[in-house]
Amino acid sequence: MTVMRAWAPPFWSGALIGFLHTIVNLFGAEPPAAVGYASGILLAASAIPVLIGVGHRLIVGRQAGFEDRSGDPQLAPIARLVGGRVRGAVAVLVEGERRAEGSWGGSGTDRPLDSGTRVEIGSVTKTFTATLLAEMVGRGEVALDDRLAEYVPGVPASRTREEVTLVDLATHSAGLPRLPRELILRALLQSPDPYRGFNERRLAAAARRTRPRSGLGETARYSNFGVSLLGHALARAVGRSYADLIGERILQPLGLEETTVARLDETNSRAARGHDAFAFAVPPWDLAAIAPAGGIVSTAADMARWVEAQMRPDSTPLADAIRLAHEPRLPLHVSAVGQILGSGLGGSRVGLAWISTAVDDRRVVWHNGGTGGFGSFVGFDPESARGIAVLTNSTHARRLDAAGMAVLSSAPS
């Protein structure tokens, strides 16, 4: 557990004790003085790691950026990400037959950071899960409008009797929360590995306990829960594991030999070490049943091949599936907070996981990802056939998306 993650248990314990102390007081009883003292002590203790983390962040934030070793001015927005809290980044730009590659900072290990370094790609995994859905539709194994209940019996309909379908899950329009309820506490407590042990049985049980909102299939509201259920349903449809299906149907046909559904192996000499928002090293995640929403480990080189496949689907054996996944379907809901902060996603539409956004009169198709210690961005402009894959060994930040978009919207070389 990092220093910063140590704040959560004493904070929430102190807050709970303080709340109970207040309730008892309101009813006229007089709780033991020690109870009130305990709350204050715990809250004060939670401030210590926060102060240490803030101080560390201020120190590393003032460190100079790393020298741009790419030699390509188009990758300058990526180079500017690195320094201070972002420990390292690697990018591969694909433009027609030209490739430009750059790496900045370090991997967090003794090995240099490069396009062969293995990292967690987080929610970019969703684009693989969505392409698997499209591929299975092409085989006739499932249909977009299949009901989730066919594969996970007992899941409830909405209050207006609408039933969740596979396309609802793929487009984030199934009316499900971002995470299953039982995982929210782990997130609040800053667990270093929040999904560990959350297996498929628990995922299915959570789905049966969760009633979706009404208005299914109308607006996309981002849900890791929904895409995890999609991967689970696809696996059940053919009696195979999700990891095996992704490997056989997607990774092998595209030659993505360094990509896998697995926990990042820190003992592997090519694995990077992840860092949190305060630049402290953190352990990798074991996403268990949430893997279809974020459990793939890959390299920048393989992610560039993934982007190339999106831009040139006819050169792959997955052309029909790739095109089906790209097709924009629903408006992406941007929260009030996102609008206030100027997310830049207004007017975006969601296909099967892939997001389409207008950038300087161009249509960019993209997705991002973030885990406890890594960030990712993949995107491409279908008209100019320019695409980019960016991976960092620091947790996801909005600046990463902006940098990727800046490269895609810059003037061609």
Foldseek 3Di string as FASTA:
>chain_A
DDLLLVLQPLQVVLVVLVVVCVVCVVVPDHDDPVSNVSSVVSNVVSVVSVVVLVVLQVVFVPFDFFDWPQPDVLLVLVSVVGTRQFQKKKKWKDFPPDITITITHALQDPDRDGQFFKDFQFQVLLLLLLLLVLVCVVVVLDNQFAFLCVQLPQQAEAPVRHTDGLQLLLFQQQQFDQDQPVLVVVVSSSPLASQPPCAPVNLSVSRNVDHGHPPGQAEHDHHLSSQLSSLSSVCSSVVHHSQVSSVPPPCVQLVQPFKGQAWFDPVPPRYGFFAESSRHTGGTYDNHSSSSRTRMMGGNVSLVSVLLCLLCVVVTPSNSSSVQQQDFRYHYDDDPVCVVVVLQCPPWTGGSNWIWHQDPNFTKIWDKRFDRGKIWIWIAGNVSRMIMIMITRYTDDSSVVVSRSSSRPDDDD
